[in-house]
C-alpha atoms as a PDB file:
ATOM      1  CA  MET A   1    -191.042  81.320 133.810  1.00  0.00           C
ATOM      2  CA  SER A   2    -190.169  78.649 136.356  1.00  0.00           C
ATOM      3  CA  LEU A   3    -186.783  78.739 138.034  1.00  0.00           C
ATOM      4  CA  THR A   4    -185.937  75.348 136.539  1.00  0.00           C
ATOM      5  CA  ALA A   5    -186.694  76.642 133.060  1.00  0.00           C
ATOM      6  CA  LEU A   6    -184.717  79.805 133.747  1.00  0.00           C
ATOM      7  CA  PHE A   7    -181.548  77.920 134.610  1.00  0.00           C
ATOM      8  CA  ALA A   8    -182.046  75.445 131.790  1.00  0.00           C
ATOM      9  CA  ARG A   9    -182.054  78.385 129.401  1.00  0.00           C
ATOM     10  CA  ALA A  10    -179.490  80.568 131.131  1.00  0.00           C
ATOM     11  CA  GLN A  11    -176.811  78.302 132.489  1.00  0.00           C
ATOM     12  CA  THR A  12    -176.834  74.798 131.021  1.00  0.00           C
ATOM     13  CA  ALA A  13    -173.954  74.382 128.599  1.00  0.00           C
ATOM     14  CA  GLY A  14    -173.598  70.717 127.781  1.00  0.00           C
ATOM     15  CA  GLY A  15    -172.355  69.571 131.146  1.00  0.00           C
ATOM     16  CA  ASN A  16    -170.214  66.751 129.787  1.00  0.00           C
ATOM     17  CA  SER A  17    -167.396  67.341 132.280  1.00  0.00           C
ATOM     18  CA  GLN A  18    -167.869  66.871 136.001  1.00  0.00           C
ATOM     19  CA  VAL A  19    -165.425  66.836 138.896  1.00  0.00           C
ATOM     20  CA  LEU A  20    -165.896  65.368 142.358  1.00  0.00           C
ATOM     21  CA  LEU A  21    -164.237  67.277 145.198  1.00  0.00           C
ATOM     22  CA  GLU A  22    -163.935  64.957 148.184  1.00  0.00           C
ATOM     23  CA  THR A  23    -163.453  67.194 151.209  1.00  0.00           C
ATOM     24  CA  THR A  24    -163.024  66.632 154.915  1.00  0.00           C
ATOM     25  CA  MET A  25    -166.590  67.907 155.368  1.00  0.00           C
ATOM     26  CA  GLY A  26    -168.224  65.927 152.560  1.00  0.00           C
ATOM     27  CA  ASN A  27    -168.386  65.654 148.779  1.00  0.00           C
ATOM     28  CA  ILE A  28    -169.049  68.446 146.283  1.00  0.00           C
ATOM     29  CA  ARG A  29    -169.720  67.597 142.645  1.00  0.00           C
ATOM     30  CA  VAL A  30    -169.347  70.337 140.039  1.00  0.00           C
ATOM     31  CA  MET A  31    -170.284  70.552 136.363  1.00  0.00           C
ATOM     32  CA  LEU A  32    -168.029  72.553 134.029  1.00  0.00           C
ATOM     33  CA  TYR A  33    -169.544  74.718 131.313  1.00  0.00           C
ATOM     34  CA  ASP A  34    -168.590  74.104 127.705  1.00  0.00           C
ATOM     35  CA  GLU A  35    -168.849  77.826 126.868  1.00  0.00           C
ATOM     36  CA  THR A  36    -165.857  78.535 129.080  1.00  0.00           C
ATOM     37  CA  SER A  37    -163.692  75.926 127.413  1.00  0.00           C
ATOM     38  CA  LEU A  38    -160.310  77.425 128.381  1.00  0.00           C
ATOM     39  CA  HIS A  39    -161.225  77.338 132.053  1.00  0.00           C
ATOM     40  CA  ARG A  40    -162.839  73.913 131.719  1.00  0.00           C
ATOM     41  CA  ASP A  41    -159.803  72.369 130.065  1.00  0.00           C
ATOM     42  CA  ASN A  42    -157.350  73.973 132.494  1.00  0.00           C
ATOM     43  CA  PHE A  43    -159.359  72.809 135.512  1.00  0.00           C
ATOM     44  CA  LEU A  44    -159.518  69.256 134.154  1.00  0.00           C
ATOM     45  CA  LYS A  45    -155.772  69.317 133.464  1.00  0.00           C
ATOM     46  CA  LEU A  46    -155.002  70.303 137.056  1.00  0.00           C
ATOM     47  CA  VAL A  47    -157.403  67.674 138.395  1.00  0.00           C
ATOM     48  CA  ARG A  48    -155.692  64.972 136.317  1.00  0.00           C
ATOM     49  CA  GLU A  49    -152.312  66.092 137.656  1.00  0.00           C
ATOM     50  CA  GLY A  50    -153.535  65.843 141.246  1.00  0.00           C
ATOM     51  CA  TYR A  51    -152.912  69.541 141.785  1.00  0.00           C
ATOM     52  CA  TYR A  52    -155.909  70.048 144.082  1.00  0.00           C
ATOM     53  CA  ASP A  53    -155.363  66.944 146.208  1.00  0.00           C
ATOM     54  CA  GLY A  54    -154.641  68.073 149.758  1.00  0.00           C
ATOM     55  CA  ASN A  55    -155.359  71.767 149.179  1.00  0.00           C
ATOM     56  CA  LEU A  56    -157.134  73.708 151.901  1.00  0.00           C
ATOM     57  CA  PHE A  57    -160.123  75.971 151.511  1.00  0.00           C
ATOM     58  CA  HIS A  58    -157.897  78.821 152.603  1.00  0.00           C
ATOM     59  CA  ARG A  59    -160.414  81.678 152.324  1.00  0.00           C
ATOM     60  CA  VAL A  60    -163.983  81.345 153.561  1.00  0.00           C
ATOM     61  CA  ILE A  61    -166.370  84.260 154.004  1.00  0.00           C
ATOM     62  CA  TYR A  62    -169.751  83.731 155.662  1.00  0.00           C
ATOM     63  CA  ASN A  63    -172.724  84.084 153.306  1.00  0.00           C
ATOM     64  CA  PHE A  64    -170.324  84.822 150.437  1.00  0.00           C
ATOM     65  CA  MET A  65    -168.012  82.086 149.117  1.00  0.00           C
ATOM     66  CA  ILE A  66    -165.378  79.399 149.766  1.00  0.00           C
ATOM     67  CA  GLN A  67    -162.005  79.536 147.965  1.00  0.00           C
ATOM     68  CA  SER A  68    -159.223  77.020 147.267  1.00  0.00           C
ATOM     69  CA  GLY A  69    -156.410  76.380 144.790  1.00  0.00           C
ATOM     70  CA  ASP A  70    -153.242  77.517 146.589  1.00  0.00           C
ATOM     71  CA  SER A  71    -151.130  74.338 146.471  1.00  0.00           C
ATOM     72  CA  THR A  72    -148.788  75.627 149.194  1.00  0.00           C
ATOM     73  CA  SER A  73    -151.684  75.191 151.619  1.00  0.00           C
ATOM     74  CA  ARG A  74    -151.143  71.409 151.713  1.00  0.00           C
ATOM     75  CA  HIS A  75    -148.517  71.744 154.425  1.00  0.00           C
ATOM     76  CA  ALA A  76    -149.533  75.101 155.889  1.00  0.00           C
ATOM     77  CA  GLN A  77    -148.873  75.832 159.527  1.00  0.00           C
ATOM     78  CA  PRO A  78    -151.628  77.201 161.792  1.00  0.00           C
ATOM     79  CA  GLU A  79    -152.284  80.927 161.216  1.00  0.00           C
ATOM     80  CA  GLN A  80    -150.042  80.937 158.121  1.00  0.00           C
ATOM     81  CA  LEU A  81    -151.239  83.465 155.534  1.00  0.00           C
ATOM     82  CA  LEU A  82    -152.399  81.661 152.399  1.00  0.00           C
ATOM     83  CA  GLY A  83    -153.757  82.465 148.964  1.00  0.00           C
ATOM     84  CA  LEU A  84    -150.655  84.046 147.456  1.00  0.00           C
ATOM     85  CA  TYR A  85    -149.697  81.170 145.140  1.00  0.00           C
ATOM     86  CA  SER A  86    -150.946  79.791 141.851  1.00  0.00           C
ATOM     87  CA  PRO A  87    -149.021  78.385 138.857  1.00  0.00           C
ATOM     88  CA  GLY A  88    -147.142  80.949 136.789  1.00  0.00           C
ATOM     89  CA  TYR A  89    -149.716  81.620 134.081  1.00  0.00           C
ATOM     90  CA  GLN A  90    -153.195  83.079 133.716  1.00  0.00           C
ATOM     91  CA  ILE A  91    -156.331  82.076 131.818  1.00  0.00           C
ATOM     92  CA  PRO A  92    -157.868  84.710 129.535  1.00  0.00           C
ATOM     93  CA  ALA A  93    -161.230  85.927 130.812  1.00  0.00           C
ATOM     94  CA  GLU A  94    -164.289  84.062 129.492  1.00  0.00           C
ATOM     95  CA  ILE A  95    -166.997  86.189 131.057  1.00  0.00           C
ATOM     96  CA  CYS A  96    -170.358  85.114 129.652  1.00  0.00           C
ATOM     97  CA  TYR A  97    -172.692  87.376 131.611  1.00  0.00           C
ATOM     98  CA  PRO A  98    -175.698  87.387 131.791  1.00  0.00           C
ATOM     99  CA  LYS A  99    -175.893  83.798 130.604  1.00  0.00           C
ATOM    100  CA  LEU A 100    -173.495  82.669 133.345  1.00  0.00           C
ATOM    101  CA  PHE A 101    -173.751  84.557 136.611  1.00  0.00           C
ATOM    102  CA  HIS A 102    -172.933  84.278 140.301  1.00  0.00           C
ATOM    103  CA  LYS A 103    -175.953  82.312 141.500  1.00  0.00           C
ATOM    104  CA  ARG A 104    -175.632  80.181 144.625  1.00  0.00           C
ATOM    105  CA  GLY A 105    -173.440  77.194 143.729  1.00  0.00           C
ATOM    106  CA  ALA A 106    -171.570  78.949 140.911  1.00  0.00           C
ATOM    107  CA  LEU A 107    -167.955  77.853 140.361  1.00  0.00           C
ATOM    108  CA  ALA A 108    -165.752  80.779 139.338  1.00  0.00           C
ATOM    109  CA  ALA A 109    -162.105  81.704 138.889  1.00  0.00           C
ATOM    110  CA  ALA A 110    -160.330  83.992 141.327  1.00  0.00           C
ATOM    111  CA  ARG A 111    -158.082  86.707 139.919  1.00  0.00           C
ATOM    112  CA  GLU A 112    -155.950  89.702 140.742  1.00  0.00           C
ATOM    113  CA  PRO A 113    -157.764  93.075 140.976  1.00  0.00           C
ATOM    114  CA  ASP A 114    -158.435  95.378 138.042  1.00  0.00           C
ATOM    115  CA  GLU A 115    -155.650  97.778 139.025  1.00  0.00           C
ATOM    116  CA  VAL A 116    -153.005  95.203 138.074  1.00  0.00           C
ATOM    117  CA  ASN A 117    -155.158  93.014 135.845  1.00  0.00           C
ATOM    118  CA  PRO A 118    -157.365  95.195 133.623  1.00  0.00           C
ATOM    119  CA  GLU A 119    -158.043  92.296 131.261  1.00  0.00           C
ATOM    120  CA  ARG A 120    -159.560  90.381 134.214  1.00  0.00           C
ATOM    121  CA  ALA A 121    -157.550  87.267 133.408  1.00  0.00           C
ATOM    122  CA  SER A 122    -158.112  84.396 135.828  1.00  0.00           C
ATOM    123  CA  SER A 123    -155.749  82.692 138.229  1.00  0.00           C
ATOM    124  CA  ALA A 124    -154.446  79.441 136.805  1.00  0.00           C
ATOM    125  CA  SER A 125    -155.641  77.427 139.795  1.00  0.00           C
ATOM    126  CA  GLN A 126    -157.532  79.386 142.420  1.00  0.00           C
ATOM    127  CA  PHE A 127    -161.295  79.061 142.318  1.00  0.00           C
ATOM    128  CA  TYR A 128    -164.259  79.886 144.511  1.00  0.00           C
ATOM    129  CA  ILE A 129    -167.717  78.443 144.983  1.00  0.00           C
ATOM    130  CA  VAL A 130    -170.498  80.913 145.697  1.00  0.00           C
ATOM    131  CA  TYR A 131    -172.876  80.557 148.616  1.00  0.00           C
ATOM    132  CA  GLY A 132    -174.110  84.121 149.012  1.00  0.00           C
ATOM    133  CA  LYS A 133    -177.580  85.077 150.177  1.00  0.00           C
ATOM    134  CA  ARG A 134    -181.050  85.798 148.844  1.00  0.00           C
ATOM    135  CA  PHE A 135    -182.033  89.332 147.868  1.00  0.00           C
ATOM    136  CA  ASN A 136    -185.206  91.373 147.633  1.00  0.00           C
ATOM    137  CA  ASP A 137    -185.834  94.095 145.059  1.00  0.00           C
ATOM    138  CA  GLU A 138    -184.548  96.900 147.261  1.00  0.00           C
ATOM    139  CA  MET A 139    -181.343  94.994 147.970  1.00  0.00           C
ATOM    140  CA  LEU A 140    -180.914  94.235 144.260  1.00  0.00           C
ATOM    141  CA  ASP A 141    -181.315  97.920 143.429  1.00  0.00           C
ATOM    142  CA  GLU A 142    -178.440  98.597 145.834  1.00  0.00           C
ATOM    143  CA  GLN A 143    -176.401  95.869 144.149  1.00  0.00           C
ATOM    144  CA  GLN A 144    -177.104  97.461 140.763  1.00  0.00           C
ATOM    145  CA  ASP A 145    -175.819 100.804 142.054  1.00  0.00           C
ATOM    146  CA  ARG A 146    -172.665  99.024 143.220  1.00  0.00           C
ATOM    147  CA  LEU A 147    -172.257  97.304 139.846  1.00  0.00           C
ATOM    148  CA  ASP A 148    -172.731 100.627 138.025  1.00  0.00           C
ATOM    149  CA  LYS A 149    -169.831 102.104 139.973  1.00  0.00           C
ATOM    150  CA  GLN A 150    -167.606  99.056 139.502  1.00  0.00           C
ATOM    151  CA  THR A 151    -168.282  98.605 135.773  1.00  0.00           C
ATOM    152  CA  ASP A 152    -169.122 102.141 134.589  1.00  0.00           C
ATOM    153  CA  GLY A 153    -172.698 101.040 134.052  1.00  0.00           C
ATOM    154  CA  CYS A 154    -171.809  98.185 131.706  1.00  0.00           C
ATOM    155  CA  VAL A 155    -173.264  95.326 133.792  1.00  0.00           C
ATOM    156  CA  LYS A 156    -177.032  95.295 134.310  1.00  0.00           C
ATOM    157  CA  LEU A 157    -179.029  92.778 136.327  1.00  0.00           C
ATOM    158  CA  THR A 158    -181.600  91.420 133.885  1.00  0.00           C
ATOM    159  CA  PRO A 159    -185.128  90.510 135.066  1.00  0.00           C
ATOM    160  CA  GLU A 160    -184.217  86.807 134.846  1.00  0.00           C
ATOM    161  CA  VAL A 161    -181.023  87.247 136.841  1.00  0.00           C
ATOM    162  CA  ARG A 162    -182.836  89.326 139.470  1.00  0.00           C
ATOM    163  CA  GLU A 163    -185.439  86.586 139.822  1.00  0.00           C
ATOM    164  CA  ALA A 164    -182.715  83.997 140.389  1.00  0.00           C
ATOM    165  CA  TYR A 165    -181.062  86.101 143.081  1.00  0.00           C
ATOM    166  CA  LYS A 166    -184.413  86.470 144.838  1.00  0.00           C
ATOM    167  CA  LYS A 167    -185.290  82.776 144.719  1.00  0.00           C
ATOM    168  CA  VAL A 168    -181.898  81.044 144.911  1.00  0.00           C
ATOM    169  CA  GLY A 169    -179.389  83.649 146.079  1.00  0.00           C
ATOM    170  CA  GLY A 170    -175.802  84.376 145.180  1.00  0.00           C
ATOM    171  CA  THR A 171    -173.345  87.268 144.905  1.00  0.00           C
ATOM    172  CA  PRO A 172    -174.522  89.730 142.229  1.00  0.00           C
ATOM    173  CA  HIS A 173    -171.820  92.344 142.876  1.00  0.00           C
ATOM    174  CA  LEU A 174    -169.275  90.048 141.139  1.00  0.00           C
ATOM    175  CA  ASP A 175    -171.248  89.688 137.904  1.00  0.00           C
ATOM    176  CA  GLY A 176    -169.573  90.596 134.641  1.00  0.00           C
ATOM    177  CA  GLN A 177    -166.150  90.860 136.297  1.00  0.00           C
ATOM    178  CA  TYR A 178    -165.068  87.277 137.037  1.00  0.00           C
ATOM    179  CA  THR A 179    -165.306  84.139 134.907  1.00  0.00           C
ATOM    180  CA  VAL A 180    -168.024  81.746 136.044  1.00  0.00           C
ATOM    181  CA  PHE A 181    -167.106  78.359 134.547  1.00  0.00           C
ATOM    182  CA  GLY A 182    -169.262  75.793 136.326  1.00  0.00           C
ATOM    183  CA  GLU A 183    -171.764  75.041 139.058  1.00  0.00           C
ATOM    184  CA  VAL A 184    -172.395  72.664 141.929  1.00  0.00           C
ATOM    185  CA  VAL A 185    -174.717  69.822 140.960  1.00  0.00           C
ATOM    186  CA  GLU A 186    -174.432  67.867 144.215  1.00  0.00           C
ATOM    187  CA  GLY A 187    -173.254  68.893 147.685  1.00  0.00           C
ATOM    188  CA  LEU A 188    -174.515  72.452 148.024  1.00  0.00           C
ATOM    189  CA  ASP A 189    -175.235  71.576 151.651  1.00  0.00           C
ATOM    190  CA  ILE A 190    -171.503  70.867 152.051  1.00  0.00           C
ATOM    191  CA  VAL A 191    -170.677  74.257 150.544  1.00  0.00           C
ATOM    192  CA  LYS A 192    -172.997  75.817 153.130  1.00  0.00           C
ATOM    193  CA  SER A 193    -171.351  73.886 155.957  1.00  0.00           C
ATOM    194  CA  ILE A 194    -167.890  75.057 154.872  1.00  0.00           C
ATOM    195  CA  ASP A 195    -169.112  78.617 154.332  1.00  0.00           C
ATOM    196  CA  TRP A 196    -170.395  78.757 157.911  1.00  0.00           C
ATOM    197  CA  VAL A 197    -167.236  77.577 159.725  1.00  0.00           C
ATOM    198  CA  GLN A 198    -165.398  79.879 162.101  1.00  0.00           C
ATOM    199  CA  THR A 199    -162.461  81.752 160.581  1.00  0.00           C
ATOM    200  CA  ASP A 200    -159.563  83.949 161.654  1.00  0.00           C
ATOM    201  CA  ASP A 201    -158.951  87.575 160.691  1.00  0.00           C
ATOM    202  CA  ASN A 202    -157.604  86.449 157.288  1.00  0.00           C
ATOM    203  CA  ALA A 203    -160.788  84.448 156.552  1.00  0.00           C
ATOM    204  CA  ARG A 204    -158.928  81.145 156.965  1.00  0.00           C
ATOM    205  CA  PRO A 205    -160.954  78.456 158.788  1.00  0.00           C
ATOM    206  CA  LEU A 206    -159.784  77.911 162.359  1.00  0.00           C
ATOM    207  CA  GLU A 207    -159.994  74.158 161.729  1.00  0.00           C
ATOM    208  CA  ASP A 208    -158.559  73.141 158.359  1.00  0.00           C
ATOM    209  CA  VAL A 209    -161.064  72.181 155.663  1.00  0.00           C
ATOM    210  CA  ARG A 210    -159.227  70.175 153.021  1.00  0.00           C
ATOM    211  CA  ILE A 211    -159.836  68.792 149.543  1.00  0.00           C
ATOM    212  CA  ILE A 212    -158.822  65.176 150.058  1.00  0.00           C
ATOM    213  CA  ARG A 213    -158.840  64.499 146.330  1.00  0.00           C
ATOM    214  CA  ALA A 214    -160.389  65.810 143.118  1.00  0.00           C
ATOM    215  CA  THR A 215    -161.357  63.365 140.379  1.00  0.00           C
ATOM    216  CA  ILE A 216    -163.071  63.529 137.009  1.00  0.00           C
ATOM    217  CA  VAL A 217    -166.355  61.609 137.102  1.00  0.00           C
ATOM    218  CA  GLU A 218    -169.079  60.593 134.666  1.00  0.00           C
ATOM    219  CA  PRO A 219    -172.072  62.959 134.402  1.00  0.00           C
END
């Protein structure tokens, strides 16, 4: 099966809603999945309200992901610790694995850890975009061992998902534990550029990377 056919079967869910993130390093366009309608509708609501305008990408980890959605970051001082704020509600988990998984370019909701959030409910506003890396079979076997420990053996990397991680890349150790609710359709090169910036010990970029504005756009 071709990779194009794989993703058409595994991860296309209507794609009627798209959002343009204009950042200080370039534009990123994301498509929101219809299967994860609670997350889709909440994200669109916040975009309409201008919630993301001016937010920093406050947490960036090389070859892993870029994260935003803390509105206090708009006026953050240098070296200020960020990522502690989101609106005072959560979104129930809509984990649709293995149909929706953490391939490169996946848009997913951040959340508090299992110890305080066993239902794996999502942050109301904080999201991350996956960059990740490509894997070979030996590396994927190691990732499966890690998933077995994290999920008591409940999350298995299917042959199709393994193929995607080998050809496209991503972050398989998050699968089945966080809600993936969209994907990048334009600007993956911008995600890479942000993912590769220099950061401090708290994973905050040394030079601010900001969402100038987020707008709903036509597919």
